[in-house]
Amino acid sequence: MKIANKISRRLLLLIIIWLLILGAALAAFEYRQMDIIKTSLDKYRIQAQDNQHDQFVNIIIRKLTDFDFISLQVLAGCLSVTCLLLWLSAHFTVKRALKDYKIKGPPPQEKKQGKSGKPAQKPKEKQINPVEDQRRALHLLSLLQREARLVDFLCENLEFYDDTQIGAAVRNIQENSQKALQKYIAPKAIIDQNEGEEISIEAGFDPSAIKLMGNVSGDPPYKGILQHRGWRSTQFDLPILSGIQDPTVIAPAEVEISLSNNKESSVE
């Protein structure tokens, strides 16, 4: 996981910094103690004024110097192994925790309690009128019918028309439908690249806006071929619903009454 690797790298840096501080403190303490011991031995050698004691003290000082160098090497090795073990433990712990979080989801939130100590009641959801919901679903279709006669074209039997007539009708319908869509919802491509191009999908993408197909495995980023750019509404400026009673009416039928029929009715 990309997030787990990022967190583990930060933990590794913090572990190295703190262990370096600890190692420097221990090395300084050891150096200070060795310096005190060597100073005491030098004073003893001066006070003794004996060649045998002098040689013996020199040997001890050399041994202490060698021990000081070896102890620093051992300290550095121990700190390095400790750093590695701490980082591995933190890395796998974080990776396992993120994996469990991804599978199980976030923990359920505790219910908020009111002033009386009782769980606060959830606000009542606004009830949606099924008839009103149906009217809203058909509203855009009625607008496309009114602006571009789209429903007329989709329901028309095209067997009796040649390709030239169909092509001319489609051009006019497409132009008017495009104007209506731009006017009311202004659709915009989700991925503004040409279809057929190779693109990269980074981590954190919106699954509702980008649909992955084909051989999807592993963690992002993913590389693939753009099959469809997708569409997103950038505005929502539909006219107010009319007061028509029947929600299934997309467009009312239109009947033109001739003047002659009115005259005949009045004579009778």
Protein backbone atom coordinates (compact mmCIF):
# COMPACT_ATOMS: atom_id res chain seq x y z
CA MET A 1 0.00 0.00 0.00
CA LYS A 2 1.24 3.44 -0.87
CA ILE A 3 -0.05 4.97 2.38
CA ALA A 4 1.55 2.21 4.49
CA ASN A 5 4.93 2.70 2.79
CA LYS A 6 4.74 6.46 3.32
CA ILE A 7 3.95 6.05 7.03
CA SER A 8 6.68 3.43 7.50
CA ARG A 9 9.27 5.71 5.89
CA ARG A 10 8.38 8.48 8.31
CA LEU A 11 8.58 6.08 11.24
CA LEU A 12 11.99 4.88 10.04
CA LEU A 13 13.27 8.46 9.94
CA LEU A 14 11.99 9.15 13.47
CA ILE A 15 13.49 5.89 14.79
CA ILE A 16 16.90 6.72 13.25
CA ILE A 17 16.88 10.24 14.72
CA TRP A 18 16.02 9.09 18.25
CA LEU A 19 18.51 6.20 18.18
CA LEU A 20 21.25 8.54 16.96
CA ILE A 21 20.50 10.86 19.87
CA LEU A 22 20.57 7.89 22.28
CA GLY A 23 23.81 6.56 20.76
CA ALA A 24 25.49 9.97 20.97
CA ALA A 25 24.49 10.29 24.62
CA LEU A 26 25.82 6.81 25.52
CA ALA A 27 29.05 7.40 23.59
CA ALA A 28 29.61 10.72 25.34
CA PHE A 29 28.97 9.11 28.72
CA GLU A 30 31.40 6.25 27.98
CA TYR A 31 34.06 8.64 26.68
CA ARG A 32 33.70 10.71 29.81
CA GLN A 33 34.10 7.69 32.12
CA MET A 34 37.12 6.41 30.19
CA ASP A 35 38.74 9.82 30.35
CA ILE A 36 38.26 9.89 34.13
CA ILE A 37 39.85 6.43 34.48
CA LYS A 38 42.83 7.35 32.26
CA THR A 39 43.38 10.58 34.21
CA SER A 40 43.40 8.63 37.49
CA LEU A 41 45.92 6.12 36.10
CA ASP A 42 48.20 8.93 34.89
CA LYS A 43 48.16 10.47 38.38
CA TYR A 44 48.93 7.06 39.91
CA ARG A 45 51.86 6.57 37.50
CA ILE A 46 53.32 9.96 38.36
CA GLN A 47 53.01 9.37 42.10
CA ALA A 48 54.47 5.83 41.96
CA GLN A 49 57.68 6.84 40.07
CA ASP A 50 58.43 3.22 39.30
CA ASN A 51 59.31 1.81 35.88
CA GLN A 52 57.40 -1.40 36.46
CA HIS A 53 54.30 0.49 37.56
CA ASP A 54 54.78 2.85 34.64
CA GLN A 55 54.81 0.01 32.11
CA PHE A 56 51.83 -1.66 33.80
CA VAL A 57 49.80 1.57 33.69
CA ASN A 58 50.66 2.12 30.01
CA ILE A 59 49.40 -1.38 29.19
CA ILE A 60 46.15 -0.73 31.06
CA ILE A 61 45.66 2.59 29.24
CA ARG A 62 46.21 0.94 25.83
CA LYS A 63 43.73 -1.81 26.73
CA LEU A 64 41.20 0.75 27.82
CA THR A 65 41.69 2.65 24.54
CA ASP A 66 41.14 -0.52 22.54
CA PHE A 67 38.11 -1.40 24.65
CA ASP A 68 36.71 2.09 24.12
CA PHE A 69 36.96 1.70 20.31
CA ILE A 70 35.43 -1.81 20.34
CA SER A 71 32.61 -0.75 22.65
CA LEU A 72 31.70 2.05 20.23
CA GLN A 73 31.52 -0.46 17.39
CA VAL A 74 29.35 -2.80 19.46
CA LEU A 75 27.10 0.12 20.45
CA ALA A 76 26.68 1.16 16.81
CA GLY A 77 25.84 -2.43 15.79
CA CYS A 78 23.30 -2.85 18.59
CA LEU A 79 21.61 0.43 17.70
CA SER A 80 21.48 -0.54 14.01
CA VAL A 81 19.85 -3.91 14.77
CA THR A 82 17.42 -2.24 17.18
CA CYS A 83 16.53 0.34 14.52
CA LEU A 84 15.85 -2.39 11.96
CA LEU A 85 13.69 -4.44 14.33
CA LEU A 86 11.68 -1.40 15.42
CA TRP A 87 11.09 -0.34 11.82
CA LEU A 88 10.00 -3.82 10.71
CA SER A 89 7.60 -4.06 13.64
CA ALA A 90 6.11 -0.63 12.93
CA HIS A 91 5.92 -1.28 9.16
CA PHE A 92 3.98 -4.54 9.42
CA THR A 93 1.78 -3.18 12.22
CA VAL A 94 0.76 -0.16 10.14
CA LYS A 95 0.27 -2.28 7.03
CA ARG A 96 -1.94 -4.77 8.88
CA ALA A 97 -3.96 -1.97 10.53
CA LEU A 98 -4.63 -0.26 7.19
CA LYS A 99 -5.59 -3.59 5.63
CA ASP A 100 -8.09 -4.31 8.42
CA TYR A 101 -9.45 -0.76 8.14
CA LYS A 102 -9.93 -1.22 4.38
CA ILE A 103 -11.73 -4.56 4.82
CA LYS A 104 -13.85 -3.84 7.90
CA GLY A 105 -14.28 -0.12 7.39
CA PRO A 106 -14.04 2.60 10.04
CA PRO A 107 -15.29 1.78 13.55
CA PRO A 108 -18.90 2.71 14.22
CA GLN A 109 -19.34 6.11 15.78
CA GLU A 110 -20.74 6.30 19.25
CA LYS A 111 -24.20 7.70 19.60
CA LYS A 112 -24.22 11.28 20.73
CA GLN A 113 -25.89 11.83 24.06
CA GLY A 114 -28.07 14.76 24.90
CA LYS A 115 -27.96 16.84 28.06
CA SER A 116 -30.11 14.28 29.88
CA GLY A 117 -27.60 11.50 29.19
CA LYS A 118 -29.90 9.68 26.76
CA PRO A 119 -28.83 9.03 23.17
CA ALA A 120 -29.86 11.88 20.94
CA GLN A 121 -32.59 10.97 18.49
CA LYS A 122 -31.83 11.13 14.81
CA PRO A 123 -33.71 13.81 12.90
CA LYS A 124 -36.60 12.46 10.92
CA GLU A 125 -35.78 11.99 7.27
CA LYS A 126 -37.78 14.05 4.87
CA GLN A 127 -40.35 11.88 3.20
CA ILE A 128 -40.20 11.95 -0.59
CA ASN A 129 -43.43 11.90 -2.52
CA PRO A 130 -43.17 9.08 -5.11
CA VAL A 131 -45.23 11.08 -7.61
CA GLU A 132 -42.98 14.13 -7.18
CA ASP A 133 -39.87 11.96 -7.57
CA GLN A 134 -41.27 10.48 -10.77
CA ARG A 135 -42.01 13.93 -12.15
CA ARG A 136 -38.43 15.06 -11.50
CA ALA A 137 -37.05 11.99 -13.27
CA LEU A 138 -39.10 12.78 -16.41
CA HIS A 139 -38.55 16.51 -16.26
CA LEU A 140 -35.28 16.60 -18.20
CA LEU A 141 -36.70 14.27 -20.84
CA SER A 142 -39.65 16.62 -21.31
CA LEU A 143 -37.23 19.53 -21.74
CA LEU A 144 -35.30 17.67 -24.45
CA GLN A 145 -38.60 16.90 -26.16
CA ARG A 146 -39.62 20.54 -26.02
CA GLU A 147 -36.26 21.91 -27.20
CA ALA A 148 -35.20 19.23 -29.72
CA ARG A 149 -38.13 16.83 -30.28
CA LEU A 150 -35.89 14.04 -28.99
CA VAL A 151 -38.70 11.69 -27.91
CA ASP A 152 -40.40 12.11 -31.29
CA PHE A 153 -37.23 11.02 -33.04
CA LEU A 154 -36.55 8.05 -30.72
CA CYS A 155 -40.13 6.75 -31.06
CA GLU A 156 -40.35 7.29 -34.81
CA ASN A 157 -40.31 4.28 -37.19
CA LEU A 158 -37.37 4.97 -39.51
CA GLU A 159 -37.99 2.14 -41.96
CA PHE A 160 -39.79 4.44 -44.41
CA TYR A 161 -37.01 7.09 -44.52
CA ASP A 162 -33.75 6.99 -46.47
CA ASP A 163 -30.34 7.71 -44.97
CA THR A 164 -30.27 11.27 -46.31
CA GLN A 165 -33.50 12.22 -44.55
CA ILE A 166 -32.41 10.52 -41.31
CA GLY A 167 -29.01 12.23 -41.42
CA ALA A 168 -30.58 15.68 -41.85
CA ALA A 169 -33.01 15.05 -38.97
CA VAL A 170 -30.27 13.72 -36.67
CA ARG A 171 -28.08 16.76 -37.27
CA ASN A 172 -30.89 19.13 -36.29
CA ILE A 173 -31.91 17.07 -33.23
CA GLN A 174 -28.31 16.72 -32.06
CA GLU A 175 -27.68 20.45 -32.34
CA ASN A 176 -30.84 21.40 -30.43
CA SER A 177 -30.28 18.69 -27.78
CA GLN A 178 -26.72 19.91 -27.25
CA LYS A 179 -27.93 23.46 -26.74
CA ALA A 180 -30.52 22.27 -24.21
CA LEU A 181 -27.98 20.24 -22.23
CA GLN A 182 -25.50 23.12 -22.13
CA LYS A 183 -28.27 25.45 -21.04
CA TYR A 184 -29.63 23.38 -18.17
CA ILE A 185 -26.87 21.05 -16.85
CA ALA A 186 -23.64 22.05 -18.74
CA PRO A 187 -22.02 18.57 -18.92
CA LYS A 188 -18.23 18.40 -18.73
CA ALA A 189 -15.89 15.47 -19.35
CA ILE A 190 -14.62 13.79 -16.15
CA ILE A 191 -11.27 12.93 -17.81
CA ASP A 192 -10.35 15.65 -20.28
CA GLN A 193 -8.25 13.50 -22.63
CA ASN A 194 -8.86 11.86 -25.99
CA GLU A 195 -10.45 8.43 -25.96
CA GLY A 196 -7.93 5.72 -26.90
CA GLU A 197 -5.03 7.41 -25.07
CA GLU A 198 -3.10 5.72 -22.27
CA ILE A 199 -3.76 7.33 -18.89
CA SER A 200 -2.74 6.75 -15.27
CA ILE A 201 -5.25 6.48 -12.40
CA GLU A 202 -3.66 7.56 -9.13
CA ALA A 203 -4.63 6.46 -5.64
CA GLY A 204 -7.62 8.14 -4.04
CA PHE A 205 -9.72 8.26 -7.21
CA ASP A 206 -13.53 8.39 -6.98
CA PRO A 207 -15.01 4.97 -7.93
CA SER A 208 -18.36 6.61 -8.71
CA ALA A 209 -16.69 8.87 -11.28
CA ILE A 210 -14.10 6.44 -12.74
CA LYS A 211 -15.06 2.85 -13.56
CA LEU A 212 -12.15 0.41 -13.87
CA MET A 213 -12.55 -2.50 -16.31
CA GLY A 214 -10.42 -5.41 -17.45
CA ASN A 215 -7.61 -6.92 -15.37
CA VAL A 216 -7.79 -4.84 -12.19
CA SER A 217 -5.43 -6.13 -9.49
CA GLY A 218 -3.03 -4.74 -6.94
CA ASP A 219 -2.93 -1.19 -5.65
CA PRO A 220 -3.00 2.08 -7.63
CA PRO A 221 -1.66 3.77 -9.64
CA TYR A 222 -3.24 1.93 -12.59
CA LYS A 223 -2.41 2.40 -16.26
CA GLY A 224 -4.99 1.76 -18.96
CA ILE A 225 -6.65 2.96 -22.15
CA LEU A 226 -9.39 5.58 -21.88
CA GLN A 227 -12.53 4.03 -23.37
CA HIS A 228 -14.98 6.80 -22.40
CA ARG A 229 -14.30 10.22 -20.92
CA GLY A 230 -17.43 10.23 -18.75
CA TRP A 231 -19.66 13.20 -18.04
CA ARG A 232 -20.25 15.36 -14.98
CA SER A 233 -22.90 18.05 -14.54
CA THR A 234 -21.34 21.42 -13.73
CA GLN A 235 -24.64 23.17 -13.04
CA PHE A 236 -28.30 22.35 -12.42
CA ASP A 237 -30.59 25.05 -13.73
CA LEU A 238 -33.79 23.26 -14.74
CA PRO A 239 -37.01 25.27 -15.02
CA ILE A 240 -39.59 24.97 -12.26
CA LEU A 241 -41.93 22.01 -12.63
CA SER A 242 -45.26 22.83 -14.14
CA GLY A 243 -48.52 22.24 -12.29
CA ILE A 244 -49.57 19.31 -14.47
CA GLN A 245 -51.32 16.58 -12.49
CA ASP A 246 -50.24 13.48 -14.42
CA PRO A 247 -46.46 12.92 -13.84
CA THR A 248 -46.22 10.51 -16.78
CA VAL A 249 -46.95 13.26 -19.33
CA ILE A 250 -43.63 14.12 -20.96
CA ALA A 251 -45.21 16.43 -23.54
CA PRO A 252 -48.93 17.06 -24.02
CA ALA A 253 -50.58 16.22 -27.30
CA GLU A 254 -51.23 19.24 -29.51
CA VAL A 255 -54.49 19.57 -31.44
CA GLU A 256 -55.22 22.48 -33.75
CA ILE A 257 -58.93 23.22 -34.09
CA SER A 258 -59.92 24.54 -37.51
CA LEU A 259 -62.06 27.64 -37.82
CA SER A 260 -64.59 25.86 -40.06
CA ASN A 261 -65.43 23.33 -37.33
CA ASN A 262 -66.16 26.14 -34.90
CA LYS A 263 -68.53 27.81 -37.38
CA GLU A 264 -70.41 24.54 -38.06
CA SER A 265 -70.82 23.95 -34.34
CA SER A 266 -72.21 27.43 -33.80
CA VAL A 267 -74.76 27.04 -36.70
CA GLU A 268 -76.09 23.79 -35.29
